PDB file of N, CA and C in Angstrom:
ATOM      1  N   MET A   1     -14.539   0.219  17.029  1.00  0.00           N
ATOM      2  CA  MET A   1     -13.690  -0.134  15.871  1.00  0.00           C
ATOM      3  C   MET A   1     -13.351   1.035  15.097  1.00  0.00           C
ATOM      4  N   ARG A   2     -12.122   1.094  14.608  1.00  0.00           N
ATOM      5  CA  ARG A   2     -11.698   2.183  13.812  1.00  0.00           C
ATOM      6  C   ARG A   2     -12.398   2.206  12.405  1.00  0.00           C
ATOM      7  N   GLN A   3     -12.724   3.418  11.991  1.00  0.00           N
ATOM      8  CA  GLN A   3     -13.414   3.576  10.714  1.00  0.00           C
ATOM      9  C   GLN A   3     -12.454   3.494   9.493  1.00  0.00           C
ATOM     10  N   LYS A   4     -12.746   2.753   8.481  1.00  0.00           N
ATOM     11  CA  LYS A   4     -11.840   2.641   7.308  1.00  0.00           C
ATOM     12  C   LYS A   4     -11.871   3.832   6.523  1.00  0.00           C
ATOM     13  N   GLU A   5     -10.692   4.172   5.853  1.00  0.00           N
ATOM     14  CA  GLU A   5     -10.680   5.321   4.915  1.00  0.00           C
ATOM     15  C   GLU A   5      -9.822   4.929   3.760  1.00  0.00           C
ATOM     16  N   LEU A   6      -9.875   5.631   2.694  1.00  0.00           N
ATOM     17  CA  LEU A   6      -9.157   5.370   1.483  1.00  0.00           C
ATOM     18  C   LEU A   6      -7.639   5.662   1.704  1.00  0.00           C
ATOM     19  N   LYS A   7      -6.702   4.638   1.510  1.00  0.00           N
ATOM     20  CA  LYS A   7      -5.334   4.778   1.623  1.00  0.00           C
ATOM     21  C   LYS A   7      -4.573   4.303   0.375  1.00  0.00           C
ATOM     22  N   LEU A   8      -3.426   4.738   0.251  1.00  0.00           N
ATOM     23  CA  LEU A   8      -2.448   4.240  -0.731  1.00  0.00           C
ATOM     24  C   LEU A   8      -1.685   3.151  -0.097  1.00  0.00           C
ATOM     25  N   VAL A   9      -1.722   1.942  -0.620  1.00  0.00           N
ATOM     26  CA  VAL A   9      -1.025   0.794  -0.112  1.00  0.00           C
ATOM     27  C   VAL A   9      -0.008   0.298  -1.202  1.00  0.00           C
ATOM     28  N   MET A  10       1.283   0.201  -0.676  1.00  0.00           N
ATOM     29  CA  MET A  10       2.365  -0.237  -1.557  1.00  0.00           C
ATOM     30  C   MET A  10       2.804  -1.580  -1.108  1.00  0.00           C
ATOM     31  N   THR A  11       2.895  -2.540  -1.982  1.00  0.00           N
ATOM     32  CA  THR A  11       3.300  -3.808  -1.734  1.00  0.00           C
ATOM     33  C   THR A  11       4.773  -4.049  -2.227  1.00  0.00           C
ATOM     34  N   PHE A  12       5.422  -5.082  -1.659  1.00  0.00           N
ATOM     35  CA  PHE A  12       6.753  -5.338  -2.090  1.00  0.00           C
ATOM     36  C   PHE A  12       6.960  -6.796  -2.425  1.00  0.00           C
ATOM     37  N   HIS A  13       7.935  -7.033  -3.278  1.00  0.00           N
ATOM     38  CA  HIS A  13       8.198  -8.452  -3.716  1.00  0.00           C
ATOM     39  C   HIS A  13       8.898  -9.253  -2.509  1.00  0.00           C
ATOM     40  N   THR A  14       9.770  -8.569  -1.830  1.00  0.00           N
ATOM     41  CA  THR A  14      10.509  -9.237  -0.741  1.00  0.00           C
ATOM     42  C   THR A  14      10.411  -8.496   0.547  1.00  0.00           C
ATOM     43  N   THR A  15      10.563  -9.183   1.650  1.00  0.00           N
ATOM     44  CA  THR A  15      10.597  -8.511   2.950  1.00  0.00           C
ATOM     45  C   THR A  15      11.767  -7.597   3.128  1.00  0.00           C
ATOM     46  N   SER A  16      12.951  -7.925   2.510  1.00  0.00           N
ATOM     47  CA  SER A  16      14.159  -7.085   2.471  1.00  0.00           C
ATOM     48  C   SER A  16      13.870  -5.677   1.764  1.00  0.00           C
ATOM     49  N   ASP A  17      13.090  -5.771   0.692  1.00  0.00           N
ATOM     50  CA  ASP A  17      12.668  -4.513  -0.024  1.00  0.00           C
ATOM     51  C   ASP A  17      11.792  -3.714   0.932  1.00  0.00           C
ATOM     52  N   ALA A  18      10.951  -4.347   1.610  1.00  0.00           N
ATOM     53  CA  ALA A  18       9.984  -3.601   2.512  1.00  0.00           C
ATOM     54  C   ALA A  18      10.785  -2.917   3.622  1.00  0.00           C
ATOM     55  N   MET A  19      11.672  -3.700   4.186  1.00  0.00           N
ATOM     56  CA  MET A  19      12.499  -3.082   5.288  1.00  0.00           C
ATOM     57  C   MET A  19      13.485  -1.952   4.821  1.00  0.00           C
ATOM     58  N   ALA A  20      13.975  -2.038   3.627  1.00  0.00           N
ATOM     59  CA  ALA A  20      14.771  -0.956   3.134  1.00  0.00           C
ATOM     60  C   ALA A  20      13.946   0.224   2.848  1.00  0.00           C
ATOM     61  N   PHE A  21      12.795   0.031   2.241  1.00  0.00           N
ATOM     62  CA  PHE A  21      11.908   1.142   1.982  1.00  0.00           C
ATOM     63  C   PHE A  21      11.475   1.893   3.274  1.00  0.00           C
ATOM     64  N   GLU A  22      11.162   1.078   4.386  1.00  0.00           N
ATOM     65  CA  GLU A  22      10.765   1.671   5.622  1.00  0.00           C
ATOM     66  C   GLU A  22      11.932   2.498   6.180  1.00  0.00           C
ATOM     67  N   LYS A  23      13.196   1.990   6.097  1.00  0.00           N
ATOM     68  CA  LYS A  23      14.335   2.674   6.592  1.00  0.00           C
ATOM     69  C   LYS A  23      14.512   4.032   5.900  1.00  0.00           C
ATOM     70  N   GLN A  24      14.397   3.886   4.523  1.00  0.00           N
ATOM     71  CA  GLN A  24      14.612   5.167   3.689  1.00  0.00           C
ATOM     72  C   GLN A  24      13.505   6.181   3.965  1.00  0.00           C
ATOM     73  N   CYS A  25      12.331   5.703   4.158  1.00  0.00           N
ATOM     74  CA  CYS A  25      11.201   6.631   4.504  1.00  0.00           C
ATOM     75  C   CYS A  25      11.529   7.363   5.796  1.00  0.00           C
ATOM     76  N   LYS A  26      11.950   6.641   6.800  1.00  0.00           N
ATOM     77  CA  LYS A  26      12.259   7.293   8.105  1.00  0.00           C
ATOM     78  C   LYS A  26      13.422   8.208   7.953  1.00  0.00           C
ATOM     79  N   THR A  27      14.445   7.936   7.141  1.00  0.00           N
ATOM     80  CA  THR A  27      15.590   8.874   6.899  1.00  0.00           C
ATOM     81  C   THR A  27      15.091  10.068   6.179  1.00  0.00           C
ATOM     82  N   ASP A  28      14.226   9.894   5.148  1.00  0.00           N
ATOM     83  CA  ASP A  28      13.750  11.077   4.376  1.00  0.00           C
ATOM     84  C   ASP A  28      12.617  11.788   4.948  1.00  0.00           C
ATOM     85  N   GLY A  29      11.992  11.292   6.060  1.00  0.00           N
ATOM     86  CA  GLY A  29      10.826  11.827   6.616  1.00  0.00           C
ATOM     87  C   GLY A  29       9.582  11.646   5.784  1.00  0.00           C
ATOM     88  N   ALA A  30       9.583  10.608   4.955  1.00  0.00           N
ATOM     89  CA  ALA A  30       8.404  10.365   4.039  1.00  0.00           C
ATOM     90  C   ALA A  30       7.190   9.808   4.929  1.00  0.00           C
ATOM     91  N   PRO A  31       5.999  10.190   4.625  1.00  0.00           N
ATOM     92  CA  PRO A  31       4.841   9.837   5.381  1.00  0.00           C
ATOM     93  C   PRO A  31       4.458   8.288   5.266  1.00  0.00           C
ATOM     94  N   GLY A  32       3.756   7.888   6.200  1.00  0.00           N
ATOM     95  CA  GLY A  32       3.220   6.513   6.213  1.00  0.00           C
ATOM     96  C   GLY A  32       3.737   5.507   7.260  1.00  0.00           C
ATOM     97  N   ARG A  33       3.290   4.285   7.139  1.00  0.00           N
ATOM     98  CA  ARG A  33       3.807   3.297   8.060  1.00  0.00           C
ATOM     99  C   ARG A  33       3.617   1.864   7.492  1.00  0.00           C
ATOM    100  N   MET A  34       4.278   1.011   8.032  1.00  0.00           N
ATOM    101  CA  MET A  34       4.274  -0.428   7.591  1.00  0.00           C
ATOM    102  C   MET A  34       3.135  -1.099   8.275  1.00  0.00           C
ATOM    103  N   ILE A  35       2.351  -1.861   7.440  1.00  0.00           N
ATOM    104  CA  ILE A  35       1.206  -2.573   7.848  1.00  0.00           C
ATOM    105  C   ILE A  35       1.226  -4.035   7.282  1.00  0.00           C
ATOM    106  N   PRO A  36       0.472  -4.944   7.804  1.00  0.00           N
ATOM    107  CA  PRO A  36       0.320  -6.211   7.093  1.00  0.00           C
ATOM    108  C   PRO A  36      -0.425  -5.943   5.735  1.00  0.00           C
ATOM    109  N   VAL A  37      -0.203  -6.721   4.765  1.00  0.00           N
ATOM    110  CA  VAL A  37      -0.851  -6.656   3.502  1.00  0.00           C
ATOM    111  C   VAL A  37      -2.308  -6.864   3.690  1.00  0.00           C
ATOM    112  N   PRO A  38      -3.229  -5.994   3.254  1.00  0.00           N
ATOM    113  CA  PRO A  38      -4.662  -6.165   3.433  1.00  0.00           C
ATOM    114  C   PRO A  38      -5.141  -7.506   2.668  1.00  0.00           C
ATOM    115  N   ARG A  39      -6.162  -8.085   3.102  1.00  0.00           N
ATOM    116  CA  ARG A  39      -6.633  -9.295   2.524  1.00  0.00           C
ATOM    117  C   ARG A  39      -6.988  -9.304   1.075  1.00  0.00           C
ATOM    118  N   ALA A  40      -7.454  -8.085   0.663  1.00  0.00           N
ATOM    119  CA  ALA A  40      -7.934  -7.848  -0.724  1.00  0.00           C
ATOM    120  C   ALA A  40      -6.758  -7.823  -1.658  1.00  0.00           C
ATOM    121  N   ILE A  41      -5.537  -7.789  -1.230  1.00  0.00           N
ATOM    122  CA  ILE A  41      -4.415  -7.660  -2.067  1.00  0.00           C
ATOM    123  C   ILE A  41      -3.453  -8.908  -1.840  1.00  0.00           C
ATOM    124  N   THR A  42      -2.847  -9.375  -2.937  1.00  0.00           N
ATOM    125  CA  THR A  42      -1.847 -10.443  -2.771  1.00  0.00           C
ATOM    126  C   THR A  42      -0.503  -9.798  -3.067  1.00  0.00           C
ATOM    127  N   ALA A  43       0.541 -10.277  -2.393  1.00  0.00           N
ATOM    128  CA  ALA A  43       1.866  -9.724  -2.581  1.00  0.00           C
ATOM    129  C   ALA A  43       2.904 -10.777  -2.297  1.00  0.00           C
ATOM    130  N   GLY A  44       4.177 -10.465  -2.723  1.00  0.00           N
ATOM    131  CA  GLY A  44       5.231 -11.418  -2.506  1.00  0.00           C
ATOM    132  C   GLY A  44       5.611 -11.626  -1.045  1.00  0.00           C
ATOM    133  N   CYS A  45       5.513 -10.503  -0.283  1.00  0.00           N
ATOM    134  CA  CYS A  45       5.765 -10.679   1.148  1.00  0.00           C
ATOM    135  C   CYS A  45       4.546 -10.157   1.987  1.00  0.00           C
ATOM    136  N   GLY A  46       4.533 -10.320   3.238  1.00  0.00           N
ATOM    137  CA  GLY A  46       3.330 -10.055   4.036  1.00  0.00           C
ATOM    138  C   GLY A  46       3.336  -8.562   4.588  1.00  0.00           C
ATOM    139  N   LEU A  47       4.243  -7.687   4.029  1.00  0.00           N
ATOM    140  CA  LEU A  47       4.333  -6.390   4.580  1.00  0.00           C
ATOM    141  C   LEU A  47       3.983  -5.387   3.367  1.00  0.00           C
ATOM    142  N   SER A  48       3.385  -4.319   3.825  1.00  0.00           N
ATOM    143  CA  SER A  48       2.999  -3.221   2.851  1.00  0.00           C
ATOM    144  C   SER A  48       3.169  -1.811   3.540  1.00  0.00           C
ATOM    145  N   TRP A  49       3.306  -0.832   2.762  1.00  0.00           N
ATOM    146  CA  TRP A  49       3.439   0.584   3.266  1.00  0.00           C
ATOM    147  C   TRP A  49       2.050   1.217   3.034  1.00  0.00           C
ATOM    148  N   CYS A  50       1.568   1.905   4.079  1.00  0.00           N
ATOM    149  CA  CYS A  50       0.283   2.549   4.026  1.00  0.00           C
ATOM    150  C   CYS A  50       0.439   4.051   4.174  1.00  0.00           C
ATOM    151  N   ALA A  51      -0.093   4.828   3.344  1.00  0.00           N
ATOM    152  CA  ALA A  51      -0.019   6.305   3.487  1.00  0.00           C
ATOM    153  C   ALA A  51      -1.329   6.892   2.753  1.00  0.00           C
ATOM    154  N   SER A  52      -1.361   8.265   2.922  1.00  0.00           N
ATOM    155  CA  SER A  52      -2.530   8.893   2.242  1.00  0.00           C
ATOM    156  C   SER A  52      -2.223   8.981   0.789  1.00  0.00           C
ATOM    157  N   PRO A  53      -3.355   8.860   0.066  1.00  0.00           N
ATOM    158  CA  PRO A  53      -3.147   8.985  -1.457  1.00  0.00           C
ATOM    159  C   PRO A  53      -2.448  10.235  -1.915  1.00  0.00           C
ATOM    160  N   ASP A  54      -2.520  11.339  -1.124  1.00  0.00           N
ATOM    161  CA  ASP A  54      -1.873  12.587  -1.400  1.00  0.00           C
ATOM    162  C   ASP A  54      -0.386  12.528  -1.404  1.00  0.00           C
ATOM    163  N   ASP A  55       0.083  11.482  -0.647  1.00  0.00           N
ATOM    164  CA  ASP A  55       1.517  11.325  -0.480  1.00  0.00           C
ATOM    165  C   ASP A  55       2.262  10.489  -1.532  1.00  0.00           C
ATOM    166  N   LYS A  56       1.511  10.224  -2.641  1.00  0.00           N
ATOM    167  CA  LYS A  56       2.072   9.338  -3.682  1.00  0.00           C
ATOM    168  C   LYS A  56       3.378   9.813  -4.248  1.00  0.00           C
ATOM    169  N   GLY A  57       3.477  11.099  -4.521  1.00  0.00           N
ATOM    170  CA  GLY A  57       4.744  11.663  -5.077  1.00  0.00           C
ATOM    171  C   GLY A  57       5.927  11.393  -4.182  1.00  0.00           C
ATOM    172  N   ALA A  58       5.795  11.715  -2.887  1.00  0.00           N
ATOM    173  CA  ALA A  58       6.876  11.411  -1.951  1.00  0.00           C
ATOM    174  C   ALA A  58       7.345   9.988  -1.952  1.00  0.00           C
ATOM    175  N   LEU A  59       6.339   9.084  -2.016  1.00  0.00           N
ATOM    176  CA  LEU A  59       6.681   7.640  -1.976  1.00  0.00           C
ATOM    177  C   LEU A  59       7.311   7.162  -3.287  1.00  0.00           C
ATOM    178  N   LEU A  60       6.898   7.737  -4.357  1.00  0.00           N
ATOM    179  CA  LEU A  60       7.560   7.367  -5.661  1.00  0.00           C
ATOM    180  C   LEU A  60       9.016   7.801  -5.628  1.00  0.00           C
ATOM    181  N   ASN A  61       9.299   8.929  -5.049  1.00  0.00           N
ATOM    182  CA  ASN A  61      10.723   9.433  -4.907  1.00  0.00           C
ATOM    183  C   ASN A  61      11.588   8.441  -4.123  1.00  0.00           C
ATOM    184  N   VAL A  62      10.985   7.818  -3.097  1.00  0.00           N
ATOM    185  CA  VAL A  62      11.801   6.838  -2.329  1.00  0.00           C
ATOM    186  C   VAL A  62      12.015   5.577  -3.157  1.00  0.00           C
ATOM    187  N   ILE A  63      10.973   5.203  -3.945  1.00  0.00           N
ATOM    188  CA  ILE A  63      11.078   4.032  -4.810  1.00  0.00           C
ATOM    189  C   ILE A  63      12.223   4.264  -5.867  1.00  0.00           C
ATOM    190  N   ARG A  64      12.199   5.483  -6.398  1.00  0.00           N
ATOM    191  CA  ARG A  64      13.263   5.752  -7.406  1.00  0.00           C
ATOM    192  C   ARG A  64      14.699   5.786  -6.693  1.00  0.00           C
ATOM    193  N   LYS A  65      14.755   6.323  -5.596  1.00  0.00           N
ATOM    194  CA  LYS A  65      16.053   6.464  -4.823  1.00  0.00           C
ATOM    195  C   LYS A  65      16.614   5.068  -4.547  1.00  0.00           C
ATOM    196  N   LEU A  66      15.749   4.079  -4.214  1.00  0.00           N
ATOM    197  CA  LEU A  66      16.199   2.729  -3.881  1.00  0.00           C
ATOM    198  C   LEU A  66      16.191   1.781  -5.118  1.00  0.00           C
ATOM    199  N   SER A  67      15.749   2.328  -6.209  1.00  0.00           N
ATOM    200  CA  SER A  67      15.644   1.409  -7.476  1.00  0.00           C
ATOM    201  C   SER A  67      14.883   0.251  -7.297  1.00  0.00           C
ATOM    202  N   LEU A  68      13.690   0.367  -6.597  1.00  0.00           N
ATOM    203  CA  LEU A  68      12.834  -0.764  -6.375  1.00  0.00           C
ATOM    204  C   LEU A  68      11.936  -0.948  -7.588  1.00  0.00           C
ATOM    205  N   SER A  69      12.021  -2.148  -8.256  1.00  0.00           N
ATOM    206  CA  SER A  69      11.240  -2.305  -9.372  1.00  0.00           C
ATOM    207  C   SER A  69      10.013  -3.232  -9.222  1.00  0.00           C
ATOM    208  N   ASN A  70      10.017  -3.987  -8.105  1.00  0.00           N
ATOM    209  CA  ASN A  70       8.868  -4.901  -7.850  1.00  0.00           C
ATOM    210  C   ASN A  70       7.928  -4.409  -6.741  1.00  0.00           C
ATOM    211  N   THR A  71       7.537  -3.186  -6.923  1.00  0.00           N
ATOM    212  CA  THR A  71       6.497  -2.677  -5.972  1.00  0.00           C
ATOM    213  C   THR A  71       5.208  -2.405  -6.803  1.00  0.00           C
ATOM    214  N   ASP A  72       4.097  -2.531  -6.075  1.00  0.00           N
ATOM    215  CA  ASP A  72       2.769  -2.217  -6.722  1.00  0.00           C
ATOM    216  C   ASP A  72       2.098  -1.283  -5.780  1.00  0.00           C
ATOM    217  N   LEU A  73       1.315  -0.280  -6.376  1.00  0.00           N
ATOM    218  CA  LEU A  73       0.551   0.697  -5.634  1.00  0.00           C
ATOM    219  C   LEU A  73      -0.915   0.361  -5.803  1.00  0.00           C
ATOM    220  N   TYR A  74      -1.681   0.373  -4.715  1.00  0.00           N
ATOM    221  CA  TYR A  74      -3.131   0.237  -4.739  1.00  0.00           C
ATOM    222  C   TYR A  74      -3.756   1.291  -3.944  1.00  0.00           C
ATOM    223  N   GLN A  75      -4.990   1.626  -4.245  1.00  0.00           N
ATOM    224  CA  GLN A  75      -5.755   2.473  -3.412  1.00  0.00           C
ATOM    225  C   GLN A  75      -6.919   1.566  -2.821  1.00  0.00           C
ATOM    226  N   CYS A  76      -6.957   1.462  -1.548  1.00  0.00           N
ATOM    227  CA  CYS A  76      -8.027   0.655  -0.930  1.00  0.00           C
ATOM    228  C   CYS A  76      -8.500   1.115   0.350  1.00  0.00           C
ATOM    229  N   MET A  77      -9.565   0.650   0.864  1.00  0.00           N
ATOM    230  CA  MET A  77     -10.075   1.073   2.233  1.00  0.00           C
ATOM    231  C   MET A  77      -9.316   0.250   3.223  1.00  0.00           C
ATOM    232  N   VAL A  78      -8.657   0.960   4.082  1.00  0.00           N
ATOM    233  CA  VAL A  78      -7.889   0.388   5.251  1.00  0.00           C
ATOM    234  C   VAL A  78      -8.300   0.978   6.550  1.00  0.00           C
TER     235      VAL A  78
END
């Protein structure tokens, strides 16, 4: 079994927001990957973005670029 580590998890209000975010991250080369929302978190859709806590600045830039207002950031063991 894979050992859990502290990650930054971003949740989205809608699946379309999550897909737009993933597309923009790939275009910009932003770190992370799409994962199912961890059980400890509730969200509007079942998708979340997972990255290292050190990558918070890069992810916030993508949020601003897309004008996403319904995202939440969590730090949790994933």
